[in-house]
Amino acid sequence: MLPTTAARSPLLSPPAAEALVRRPANVRASVSADLRRLIAWGLVLGACAGCLLLGYGWVRLLVVEAGYRLSVTRQLVEALGRDGRELAVRAAAADSAAHLESLAAARLGMRRPLRGEEEILP
């Protein structure tokens, strides 16, 4: 069976186009248009929901990453605080008279003055 000339021609006249596209009597054209519109809205809303979910996931990922950074920073602050307290204890021990006397004898060869070697300055 050969196609008709109406089916082969790119520009169909309105009566020929209606002849090729026949709708059943119980289906209205507006139902089909409403269905297309409903599908389009569904796709738009679905795309918006997908974008919102991706955005939520991205923000959640940023929050988790910030939490890890905060945890590492807290650990660093605690370690630096411990080091500071340890250095303060060492500094206090370094100022003691016994420690200074032992350092003076060991490094500089100093000794305590004997009787008669002491002088009082004016």
N, C-alpha and C. Protein backbone atom coordinates (compact mmCIF):
# COMPACT_ATOMS: atom_id res chain seq x y z
N MET A 1 0.85 -1.17 0.00
CA MET A 1 0.00 0.00 0.00
C MET A 1 0.89 1.22 0.00
N LEU A 2 0.67 2.16 -0.89
CA LEU A 2 1.45 3.38 -1.02
C LEU A 2 0.84 4.48 -0.19
N PRO A 3 1.71 5.33 0.42
CA PRO A 3 1.16 6.43 1.22
C PRO A 3 0.45 7.42 0.33
N THR A 4 -0.51 8.05 0.88
CA THR A 4 -1.28 9.02 0.12
C THR A 4 -0.47 10.29 -0.04
N THR A 5 -0.83 11.14 -0.93
CA THR A 5 -0.11 12.39 -1.16
C THR A 5 -0.27 13.32 0.02
N ALA A 6 -1.37 13.23 0.73
CA ALA A 6 -1.60 14.09 1.89
C ALA A 6 -0.62 13.73 3.01
N ALA A 7 -0.29 12.45 3.16
CA ALA A 7 0.61 12.03 4.21
C ALA A 7 2.05 12.38 3.86
N ARG A 8 2.36 12.42 2.52
CA ARG A 8 3.72 12.72 2.10
C ARG A 8 4.02 14.21 2.12
N SER A 9 3.08 15.04 1.95
CA SER A 9 3.35 16.47 1.84
C SER A 9 3.64 17.05 3.21
N PRO A 10 4.70 17.93 3.35
CA PRO A 10 5.04 18.48 4.65
C PRO A 10 3.99 19.43 5.18
N LEU A 11 3.32 20.15 4.34
CA LEU A 11 2.28 21.10 4.77
C LEU A 11 0.93 20.52 4.40
N LEU A 12 0.24 20.11 5.41
CA LEU A 12 -1.07 19.52 5.17
C LEU A 12 -2.14 20.59 5.29
N SER A 13 -3.10 20.46 4.51
CA SER A 13 -4.23 21.36 4.63
C SER A 13 -5.02 20.93 5.88
N PRO A 14 -5.73 21.85 6.52
CA PRO A 14 -6.44 21.51 7.76
C PRO A 14 -7.40 20.33 7.63
N PRO A 15 -8.15 20.21 6.56
CA PRO A 15 -9.03 19.03 6.51
C PRO A 15 -8.24 17.73 6.40
N ALA A 16 -7.11 17.77 5.68
CA ALA A 16 -6.31 16.55 5.54
C ALA A 16 -5.65 16.19 6.87
N ALA A 17 -5.21 17.22 7.63
CA ALA A 17 -4.58 16.97 8.93
C ALA A 17 -5.59 16.37 9.89
N GLU A 18 -6.82 16.85 9.84
CA GLU A 18 -7.85 16.29 10.71
C GLU A 18 -8.16 14.85 10.33
N ALA A 19 -8.02 14.56 9.09
CA ALA A 19 -8.30 13.19 8.65
C ALA A 19 -7.23 12.24 9.15
N LEU A 20 -5.99 12.70 9.19
CA LEU A 20 -4.90 11.84 9.66
C LEU A 20 -4.92 11.67 11.18
N VAL A 21 -5.24 12.72 11.91
CA VAL A 21 -5.26 12.67 13.37
C VAL A 21 -6.70 12.59 13.82
N ARG A 22 -7.13 11.41 14.09
CA ARG A 22 -8.51 11.23 14.52
C ARG A 22 -8.51 10.85 15.99
N ARG A 23 -9.31 11.51 16.72
CA ARG A 23 -9.48 11.20 18.15
C ARG A 23 -10.76 10.38 18.30
N PRO A 24 -10.69 9.52 19.26
CA PRO A 24 -11.96 8.82 19.54
C PRO A 24 -13.01 9.83 20.01
N ALA A 25 -14.21 9.50 19.86
CA ALA A 25 -15.30 10.42 20.18
C ALA A 25 -15.38 10.71 21.67
N ASN A 26 -14.89 9.80 22.51
CA ASN A 26 -15.03 10.02 23.94
C ASN A 26 -13.83 10.75 24.56
N VAL A 27 -12.82 11.12 23.78
CA VAL A 27 -11.65 11.84 24.31
C VAL A 27 -11.68 13.25 23.76
N ARG A 28 -11.69 14.21 24.68
CA ARG A 28 -11.73 15.60 24.25
C ARG A 28 -10.30 16.11 24.06
N ALA A 29 -10.12 17.12 23.25
CA ALA A 29 -8.80 17.72 23.02
C ALA A 29 -8.32 18.43 24.28
N SER A 30 -9.26 18.98 25.06
CA SER A 30 -8.86 19.71 26.26
C SER A 30 -8.29 18.77 27.31
N VAL A 31 -8.73 17.52 27.36
CA VAL A 31 -8.20 16.55 28.31
C VAL A 31 -6.73 16.30 27.99
N SER A 32 -6.43 16.14 26.74
CA SER A 32 -5.05 15.91 26.33
C SER A 32 -4.18 17.13 26.66
N ALA A 33 -4.69 18.32 26.44
CA ALA A 33 -3.94 19.54 26.77
C ALA A 33 -3.75 19.66 28.28
N ASP A 34 -4.80 19.33 29.03
CA ASP A 34 -4.70 19.38 30.49
C ASP A 34 -3.67 18.37 31.00
N LEU A 35 -3.66 17.20 30.39
CA LEU A 35 -2.70 16.17 30.79
C LEU A 35 -1.27 16.63 30.50
N ARG A 36 -1.05 17.22 29.32
CA ARG A 36 0.28 17.74 28.99
C ARG A 36 0.69 18.84 29.97
N ARG A 37 -0.24 19.72 30.31
CA ARG A 37 0.05 20.80 31.25
C ARG A 37 0.37 20.22 32.64
N LEU A 38 -0.38 19.22 33.06
CA LEU A 38 -0.14 18.57 34.34
C LEU A 38 1.22 17.88 34.36
N ILE A 39 1.58 17.22 33.30
CA ILE A 39 2.89 16.56 33.22
C ILE A 39 4.00 17.61 33.25
N ALA A 40 3.81 18.71 32.56
CA ALA A 40 4.83 19.77 32.55
C ALA A 40 5.02 20.34 33.96
N TRP A 41 3.90 20.60 34.65
CA TRP A 41 4.01 21.11 36.02
C TRP A 41 4.67 20.09 36.94
N GLY A 42 4.34 18.82 36.74
CA GLY A 42 4.97 17.77 37.54
C GLY A 42 6.47 17.73 37.32
N LEU A 43 6.90 17.87 36.06
CA LEU A 43 8.34 17.89 35.79
C LEU A 43 9.01 19.11 36.40
N VAL A 44 8.36 20.26 36.32
CA VAL A 44 8.93 21.48 36.91
C VAL A 44 9.05 21.33 38.43
N LEU A 45 7.98 20.87 39.07
CA LEU A 45 8.01 20.68 40.51
C LEU A 45 9.01 19.61 40.92
N GLY A 46 9.10 18.55 40.14
CA GLY A 46 10.09 17.50 40.42
C GLY A 46 11.51 18.03 40.31
N ALA A 47 11.76 18.86 39.29
CA ALA A 47 13.10 19.46 39.14
C ALA A 47 13.41 20.39 40.31
N CYS A 48 12.40 21.16 40.74
CA CYS A 48 12.61 22.05 41.90
C CYS A 48 12.88 21.23 43.16
N ALA A 49 12.16 20.15 43.35
CA ALA A 49 12.38 19.31 44.52
C ALA A 49 13.77 18.68 44.48
N GLY A 50 14.20 18.25 43.30
CA GLY A 50 15.55 17.70 43.16
C GLY A 50 16.62 18.72 43.49
N CYS A 51 16.42 19.95 43.01
CA CYS A 51 17.38 21.02 43.32
C CYS A 51 17.40 21.31 44.82
N LEU A 52 16.24 21.32 45.44
CA LEU A 52 16.19 21.56 46.88
C LEU A 52 16.90 20.44 47.66
N LEU A 53 16.70 19.20 47.24
CA LEU A 53 17.37 18.09 47.91
C LEU A 53 18.88 18.16 47.73
N LEU A 54 19.32 18.49 46.53
CA LEU A 54 20.76 18.64 46.31
C LEU A 54 21.33 19.78 47.15
N GLY A 55 20.60 20.88 47.23
CA GLY A 55 21.04 22.01 48.05
C GLY A 55 21.11 21.64 49.52
N TYR A 56 20.11 20.92 49.99
CA TYR A 56 20.09 20.48 51.39
C TYR A 56 21.28 19.57 51.68
N GLY A 57 21.54 18.64 50.78
CA GLY A 57 22.69 17.74 50.96
C GLY A 57 24.00 18.49 50.97
N TRP A 58 24.13 19.48 50.10
CA TRP A 58 25.36 20.27 50.02
C TRP A 58 25.57 21.07 51.31
N VAL A 59 24.50 21.69 51.80
CA VAL A 59 24.60 22.46 53.05
C VAL A 59 24.92 21.53 54.22
N ARG A 60 24.32 20.37 54.24
CA ARG A 60 24.59 19.40 55.31
C ARG A 60 26.05 18.97 55.28
N LEU A 61 26.58 18.77 54.09
CA LEU A 61 27.99 18.41 53.94
C LEU A 61 28.89 19.52 54.46
N LEU A 62 28.54 20.76 54.17
CA LEU A 62 29.33 21.89 54.68
C LEU A 62 29.28 21.96 56.20
N VAL A 63 28.13 21.67 56.78
CA VAL A 63 28.00 21.71 58.24
C VAL A 63 28.86 20.62 58.88
N VAL A 64 28.86 19.43 58.31
CA VAL A 64 29.68 18.34 58.84
C VAL A 64 31.16 18.69 58.73
N GLU A 65 31.56 19.24 57.59
CA GLU A 65 32.96 19.63 57.40
C GLU A 65 33.36 20.71 58.40
N ALA A 66 32.49 21.68 58.64
CA ALA A 66 32.79 22.73 59.63
C ALA A 66 32.89 22.13 61.03
N GLY A 67 32.08 21.14 61.33
CA GLY A 67 32.15 20.46 62.63
C GLY A 67 33.50 19.77 62.82
N TYR A 68 33.98 19.10 61.77
CA TYR A 68 35.29 18.46 61.87
C TYR A 68 36.39 19.49 62.08
N ARG A 69 36.31 20.59 61.33
CA ARG A 69 37.32 21.64 61.50
C ARG A 69 37.28 22.23 62.90
N LEU A 70 36.08 22.41 63.44
CA LEU A 70 35.93 22.93 64.79
C LEU A 70 36.52 21.96 65.82
N SER A 71 36.30 20.68 65.62
CA SER A 71 36.86 19.67 66.53
C SER A 71 38.38 19.70 66.50
N VAL A 72 38.96 19.78 65.33
CA VAL A 72 40.42 19.84 65.22
C VAL A 72 40.95 21.11 65.86
N THR A 73 40.26 22.21 65.68
CA THR A 73 40.69 23.48 66.28
C THR A 73 40.61 23.41 67.80
N ARG A 74 39.56 22.80 68.33
CA ARG A 74 39.45 22.65 69.79
C ARG A 74 40.60 21.81 70.34
N GLN A 75 40.92 20.72 69.65
CA GLN A 75 42.04 19.88 70.09
C GLN A 75 43.34 20.66 70.07
N LEU A 76 43.55 21.49 69.06
CA LEU A 76 44.75 22.30 68.97
C LEU A 76 44.81 23.32 70.10
N VAL A 77 43.67 23.94 70.41
CA VAL A 77 43.62 24.92 71.51
C VAL A 77 43.93 24.24 72.84
N GLU A 78 43.38 23.05 73.05
CA GLU A 78 43.66 22.33 74.30
C GLU A 78 45.14 21.96 74.40
N ALA A 79 45.74 21.50 73.29
CA ALA A 79 47.16 21.13 73.30
C ALA A 79 48.03 22.36 73.57
N LEU A 80 47.68 23.48 72.95
CA LEU A 80 48.45 24.70 73.18
C LEU A 80 48.29 25.19 74.62
N GLY A 81 47.11 25.03 75.20
CA GLY A 81 46.89 25.40 76.60
C GLY A 81 47.74 24.55 77.54
N ARG A 82 47.80 23.23 77.26
CA ARG A 82 48.65 22.35 78.08
C ARG A 82 50.12 22.75 77.96
N ASP A 83 50.56 23.03 76.73
CA ASP A 83 51.95 23.47 76.53
C ASP A 83 52.23 24.77 77.26
N GLY A 84 51.27 25.69 77.23
CA GLY A 84 51.44 26.97 77.92
C GLY A 84 51.57 26.79 79.43
N ARG A 85 50.72 25.91 79.99
CA ARG A 85 50.81 25.65 81.44
C ARG A 85 52.14 24.99 81.80
N GLU A 86 52.59 24.07 80.94
CA GLU A 86 53.87 23.41 81.19
C GLU A 86 55.03 24.41 81.14
N LEU A 87 54.98 25.31 80.18
CA LEU A 87 56.03 26.33 80.09
C LEU A 87 55.98 27.29 81.27
N ALA A 88 54.79 27.58 81.77
CA ALA A 88 54.68 28.45 82.94
C ALA A 88 55.30 27.77 84.17
N VAL A 89 55.10 26.46 84.30
CA VAL A 89 55.70 25.72 85.41
C VAL A 89 57.22 25.73 85.27
N ARG A 90 57.72 25.52 84.06
CA ARG A 90 59.17 25.56 83.83
C ARG A 90 59.74 26.94 84.13
N ALA A 91 59.02 27.97 83.74
CA ALA A 91 59.50 29.34 84.00
C ALA A 91 59.53 29.61 85.50
N ALA A 92 58.56 29.13 86.23
CA ALA A 92 58.54 29.32 87.68
C ALA A 92 59.69 28.55 88.32
N ALA A 93 59.97 27.36 87.81
CA ALA A 93 61.08 26.57 88.36
C ALA A 93 62.41 27.22 88.01
N ALA A 94 62.50 27.86 86.86
CA ALA A 94 63.75 28.50 86.44
C ALA A 94 64.05 29.73 87.29
N ASP A 95 63.06 30.35 87.90
CA ASP A 95 63.26 31.54 88.72
C ASP A 95 63.64 31.21 90.16
N SER A 96 63.61 29.95 90.54
CA SER A 96 63.91 29.61 91.93
C SER A 96 65.39 29.86 92.22
N ALA A 97 65.70 30.21 93.47
CA ALA A 97 67.07 30.57 93.86
C ALA A 97 68.01 29.38 93.74
N ALA A 98 67.57 28.20 94.12
CA ALA A 98 68.43 27.01 94.05
C ALA A 98 68.80 26.70 92.62
N HIS A 99 67.85 26.83 91.70
CA HIS A 99 68.11 26.55 90.29
C HIS A 99 69.08 27.58 89.72
N LEU A 100 68.88 28.84 90.04
CA LEU A 100 69.80 29.88 89.56
C LEU A 100 71.21 29.68 90.10
N GLU A 101 71.32 29.27 91.36
CA GLU A 101 72.63 29.04 91.95
C GLU A 101 73.34 27.88 91.26
N SER A 102 72.63 26.80 90.98
CA SER A 102 73.25 25.66 90.30
C SER A 102 73.66 26.02 88.88
N LEU A 103 72.86 26.83 88.18
CA LEU A 103 73.23 27.27 86.83
C LEU A 103 74.46 28.17 86.86
N ALA A 104 74.54 29.08 87.83
CA ALA A 104 75.68 29.98 87.94
C ALA A 104 76.96 29.20 88.22
N ALA A 105 76.89 28.18 89.05
CA ALA A 105 78.08 27.38 89.35
C ALA A 105 78.49 26.54 88.16
N ALA A 106 77.54 25.95 87.47
CA ALA A 106 77.85 25.04 86.37
C ALA A 106 78.30 25.79 85.12
N ARG A 107 77.61 26.81 84.74
CA ARG A 107 77.91 27.49 83.47
C ARG A 107 78.97 28.59 83.62
N LEU A 108 78.93 29.32 84.70
CA LEU A 108 79.80 30.49 84.83
C LEU A 108 80.95 30.29 85.83
N GLY A 109 80.94 29.19 86.53
CA GLY A 109 82.00 28.93 87.51
C GLY A 109 81.92 29.83 88.72
N MET A 110 80.76 30.33 89.03
CA MET A 110 80.58 31.21 90.17
C MET A 110 80.43 30.40 91.45
N ARG A 111 80.71 31.03 92.59
CA ARG A 111 80.53 30.39 93.88
C ARG A 111 80.01 31.41 94.86
N ARG A 112 79.62 30.94 96.04
CA ARG A 112 79.15 31.86 97.08
C ARG A 112 80.38 32.55 97.66
N PRO A 113 80.27 33.81 98.01
CA PRO A 113 81.43 34.51 98.59
C PRO A 113 81.74 34.00 100.00
N LEU A 114 83.01 33.95 100.30
CA LEU A 114 83.45 33.54 101.65
C LEU A 114 83.37 34.73 102.58
N ARG A 115 83.64 34.47 103.88
CA ARG A 115 83.62 35.57 104.86
C ARG A 115 84.74 36.52 104.51
N GLY A 116 84.43 37.75 104.52
CA GLY A 116 85.40 38.78 104.23
C GLY A 116 85.42 39.19 102.77
N GLU A 117 84.87 38.39 101.89
CA GLU A 117 84.81 38.76 100.47
C GLU A 117 83.54 39.53 100.16
N GLU A 118 82.70 39.65 101.09
CA GLU A 118 81.46 40.37 100.87
C GLU A 118 81.69 41.86 101.04
N GLU A 119 81.09 42.64 100.19
CA GLU A 119 81.17 44.09 100.30
C GLU A 119 79.76 44.64 100.21
N ILE A 120 79.54 45.64 100.99
CA ILE A 120 78.24 46.30 100.97
C ILE A 120 78.38 47.56 100.14
N LEU A 121 77.60 47.70 99.17
CA LEU A 121 77.65 48.87 98.31
C LEU A 121 76.81 49.99 98.89
N PRO A 122 77.28 51.22 98.70
CA PRO A 122 76.52 52.36 99.27
C PRO A 122 75.21 52.59 98.57
